[in-house]
Each structure stands twice: as C-alpha cells, then as structure tokens.
C-alpha atoms as a PDB file:
ATOM      1  CA  UNK A   1      -7.882  -9.861  21.352  1.00  0.00           C
ATOM      2  CA  UNK A   2      -7.112 -12.435  18.730  1.00  0.00           C
ATOM      3  CA  UNK A   3      -4.144 -14.311  17.357  1.00  0.00           C
ATOM      4  CA  UNK A   4      -4.492 -14.888  13.631  1.00  0.00           C
ATOM      5  CA  UNK A   5      -2.404 -17.685  12.148  1.00  0.00           C
ATOM      6  CA  UNK A   6      -1.934 -17.663   8.388  1.00  0.00           C
ATOM      7  CA  UNK A   7      -0.805 -20.825   6.621  1.00  0.00           C
ATOM      8  CA  UNK A   8       0.292 -20.587   3.012  1.00  0.00           C
ATOM      9  CA  UNK A   9      -1.586 -23.070   0.833  1.00  0.00           C
ATOM     10  CA  UNK A  10       0.029 -22.053  -2.463  1.00  0.00           C
ATOM     11  CA  UNK A  11       3.705 -21.908  -3.493  1.00  0.00           C
ATOM     12  CA  UNK A  12       5.730 -18.922  -2.246  1.00  0.00           C
ATOM     13  CA  UNK A  13       5.900 -17.394  -5.719  1.00  0.00           C
ATOM     14  CA  UNK A  14       2.094 -16.921  -5.563  1.00  0.00           C
ATOM     15  CA  UNK A  15       2.411 -15.433  -2.063  1.00  0.00           C
ATOM     16  CA  UNK A  16       5.236 -13.112  -3.150  1.00  0.00           C
ATOM     17  CA  UNK A  17       3.187 -11.834  -6.101  1.00  0.00           C
ATOM     18  CA  UNK A  18       0.597 -10.526  -3.612  1.00  0.00           C
ATOM     19  CA  UNK A  19       2.973  -9.359  -0.882  1.00  0.00           C
ATOM     20  CA  UNK A  20       2.733  -5.649  -1.744  1.00  0.00           C
ATOM     21  CA  UNK A  21      -1.069  -5.683  -1.682  1.00  0.00           C
ATOM     22  CA  UNK A  22      -1.031  -7.719   1.552  1.00  0.00           C
ATOM     23  CA  UNK A  23       1.271  -5.169   3.192  1.00  0.00           C
ATOM     24  CA  UNK A  24      -1.074  -2.347   2.129  1.00  0.00           C
ATOM     25  CA  UNK A  25      -3.941  -4.294   3.727  1.00  0.00           C
ATOM     26  CA  UNK A  26      -1.916  -4.637   6.950  1.00  0.00           C
ATOM     27  CA  UNK A  27      -1.016  -0.928   6.933  1.00  0.00           C
ATOM     28  CA  UNK A  28      -4.690   0.098   6.656  1.00  0.00           C
ATOM     29  CA  UNK A  29      -5.589  -1.994   9.663  1.00  0.00           C
ATOM     30  CA  UNK A  30      -2.598  -0.847  11.698  1.00  0.00           C
ATOM     31  CA  UNK A  31      -3.804   2.699  11.048  1.00  0.00           C
ATOM     32  CA  UNK A  32      -7.315   1.778  12.239  1.00  0.00           C
ATOM     33  CA  UNK A  33      -5.922   0.185  15.422  1.00  0.00           C
ATOM     34  CA  UNK A  34      -7.180  -3.298  14.516  1.00  0.00           C
ATOM     35  CA  UNK A  35      -3.746  -4.875  14.044  1.00  0.00           C
ATOM     36  CA  UNK A  36      -1.137  -4.594  16.795  1.00  0.00           C
ATOM     37  CA  UNK A  37       1.686  -6.917  15.671  1.00  0.00           C
ATOM     38  CA  UNK A  38       2.401  -9.081  12.646  1.00  0.00           C
ATOM     39  CA  UNK A  39       5.175 -11.032  11.005  1.00  0.00           C
ATOM     40  CA  UNK A  40       6.289 -14.113   9.149  1.00  0.00           C
ATOM     41  CA  UNK A  41       6.452 -17.552  10.658  1.00  0.00           C
ATOM     42  CA  UNK A  42       9.912 -19.099  10.747  1.00  0.00           C
ATOM     43  CA  UNK A  43      10.324 -21.104   8.585  1.00  0.00           C
ATOM     44  CA  UNK A  44       8.296 -19.111   6.071  1.00  0.00           C
ATOM     45  CA  UNK A  45       5.109 -21.165   5.983  1.00  0.00           C
ATOM     46  CA  UNK A  46       2.702 -18.337   6.809  1.00  0.00           C
ATOM     47  CA  UNK A  47       2.310 -15.465   9.211  1.00  0.00           C
ATOM     48  CA  UNK A  48       0.941 -14.293  12.545  1.00  0.00           C
ATOM     49  CA  UNK A  49      -1.183 -11.250  13.373  1.00  0.00           C
ATOM     50  CA  UNK A  50      -2.110  -9.992  16.840  1.00  0.00           C
ATOM     51  CA  UNK A  51      -5.458  -8.286  16.316  1.00  0.00           C
ATOM     52  CA  UNK A  52      -7.875  -6.199  18.318  1.00  0.00           C
ATOM     53  CA  UNK A  53     -11.487  -6.430  17.209  1.00  0.00           C
ATOM     54  CA  UNK A  54     -14.942  -6.051  18.710  1.00  0.00           C
ATOM     55  CA  UNK A  55     -15.734  -9.689  17.901  1.00  0.00           C
ATOM     56  CA  UNK A  56     -14.529 -12.673  15.925  1.00  0.00           C
ATOM     57  CA  UNK A  57     -17.118 -12.310  13.156  1.00  0.00           C
ATOM     58  CA  UNK A  58     -16.009  -8.724  12.475  1.00  0.00           C
ATOM     59  CA  UNK A  59     -12.374  -9.823  12.341  1.00  0.00           C
ATOM     60  CA  UNK A  60     -13.124 -12.745  10.023  1.00  0.00           C
ATOM     61  CA  UNK A  61     -15.008 -10.412   7.660  1.00  0.00           C
ATOM     62  CA  UNK A  62     -12.028  -8.050   7.677  1.00  0.00           C
ATOM     63  CA  UNK A  63      -9.566 -10.909   7.017  1.00  0.00           C
ATOM     64  CA  UNK A  64     -11.649 -12.035   4.041  1.00  0.00           C
ATOM     65  CA  UNK A  65     -10.600  -8.753   2.382  1.00  0.00           C
ATOM     66  CA  UNK A  66      -6.889  -9.599   2.647  1.00  0.00           C
ATOM     67  CA  UNK A  67      -5.478 -10.098  -0.860  1.00  0.00           C
ATOM     68  CA  UNK A  68      -4.022 -13.408   0.373  1.00  0.00           C
ATOM     69  CA  UNK A  69      -7.541 -14.579   1.268  1.00  0.00           C
ATOM     70  CA  UNK A  70      -9.139 -13.237  -1.906  1.00  0.00           C
ATOM     71  CA  UNK A  71      -6.584 -15.107  -4.051  1.00  0.00           C
ATOM     72  CA  UNK A  72      -6.731 -18.264  -1.939  1.00  0.00           C
ATOM     73  CA  UNK A  73      -3.004 -18.357  -1.145  1.00  0.00           C
ATOM     74  CA  UNK A  74      -3.447 -18.508   2.642  1.00  0.00           C
ATOM     75  CA  UNK A  75      -5.741 -20.220   5.142  1.00  0.00           C
ATOM     76  CA  UNK A  76      -6.596 -18.414   8.377  1.00  0.00           C
ATOM     77  CA  UNK A  77      -7.089 -19.603  11.942  1.00  0.00           C
ATOM     78  CA  UNK A  78      -8.503 -17.038  14.388  1.00  0.00           C
ATOM     79  CA  UNK A  79      -7.810 -17.736  18.057  1.00  0.00           C
ATOM     80  CA  UNK A  80      -9.548 -15.541  20.654  1.00  0.00           C
ATOM     81  CA  UNK A  81      -7.681 -14.960  23.893  1.00  0.00           C
ATOM     82  CA  UNK A  82      -7.954 -12.863  27.032  1.00  0.00           C
ATOM     83  CA  UNK A  83      -4.628 -11.307  28.087  1.00  0.00           C
ATOM     84  CA  UNK A  84      -4.107 -11.623  31.832  1.00  0.00           C
ATOM     85  CA  UNK A  85      -0.425 -10.760  32.147  1.00  0.00           C
ATOM     86  CA  UNK A  86       1.843  -8.641  30.030  1.00  0.00           C
ATOM     87  CA  UNK A  87       5.142  -6.795  30.026  1.00  0.00           C
ATOM     88  CA  UNK A  88       4.721  -3.157  31.173  1.00  0.00           C
ATOM     89  CA  UNK A  89       5.879  -1.870  27.777  1.00  0.00           C
ATOM     90  CA  UNK A  90       2.871  -3.489  26.122  1.00  0.00           C
ATOM     91  CA  UNK A  91       0.408  -1.473  28.250  1.00  0.00           C
ATOM     92  CA  UNK A  92       0.088   1.250  25.589  1.00  0.00           C
ATOM     93  CA  UNK A  93      -1.068  -1.303  23.019  1.00  0.00           C
ATOM     94  CA  UNK A  94      -3.599  -2.742  25.431  1.00  0.00           C
ATOM     95  CA  UNK A  95      -4.893   0.725  26.257  1.00  0.00           C
ATOM     96  CA  UNK A  96      -5.417   1.327  22.524  1.00  0.00           C
ATOM     97  CA  UNK A  97      -7.367  -1.924  22.257  1.00  0.00           C
ATOM     98  CA  UNK A  98      -9.575  -0.901  25.179  1.00  0.00           C
ATOM     99  CA  UNK A  99     -10.193   2.512  23.588  1.00  0.00           C
ATOM    100  CA  UNK A 100     -11.238   0.697  20.387  1.00  0.00           C
ATOM    101  CA  UNK A 101     -13.938  -1.092  22.388  1.00  0.00           C
ATOM    102  CA  UNK A 102     -12.469  -4.568  22.599  1.00  0.00           C
ATOM    103  CA  UNK A 103     -12.868  -6.839  25.605  1.00  0.00           C
ATOM    104  CA  UNK A 104      -9.423  -6.519  27.159  1.00  0.00           C
ATOM    105  CA  UNK A 105      -9.030  -6.538  30.930  1.00  0.00           C
ATOM    106  CA  UNK A 106      -5.445  -5.555  31.824  1.00  0.00           C
END
C-alpha cells in the first residue's frame, strides 16, 4: 500500500481549472481498485490518496497521467507502507488490495 501526498505548486485557480479532469482520473482508478481513499488536505494545500498497487514504479507511472501532474500544478510524494493494524471495518478494503495482488499482510 502507498500514501500519496499531493502538494499544489501553482495557484488554486490553476488547480480548480483541472479539478473535473482530476476527479475523472480518480474515479477511473477507484473503479480499477487502485485507489482506496482520497481527499483534500486541510488547509487546502494539496491532497492525499491511499493507493493499492503492485509496486511503486507502477503507481508513479499511473500518477504521471493525473491531469494535475500533466499540467504541473501538483508535486507528488509516494510513501510505501505495510499495514499491521487496522479497524475491523477496513478489512474489506484490505481484502480488495490483496485480491489485486498487492503486498498487504492483514
């Protein structure tokens, strides 16, 4: 699993102009099972994505297709992590990640 931190590097009006396309990008990867959670940072300086991917290189290639990345309005930090504890309600998400072939050991 990976935590993806987005940091806006352009003014919010540039970010907002691409928000619809960015949301479509997110929706495609939710449908594929790659993205599990996402949302805005507070204050609104970027975003966070919890992602499931076979490896970091695959995820970075996928993130390069985000309209925010293509337009250069956001910088990305990808942090790999191994979940070791979780709330029981999150088990379904972890099971989906395992089925997708990621290295998750609940």
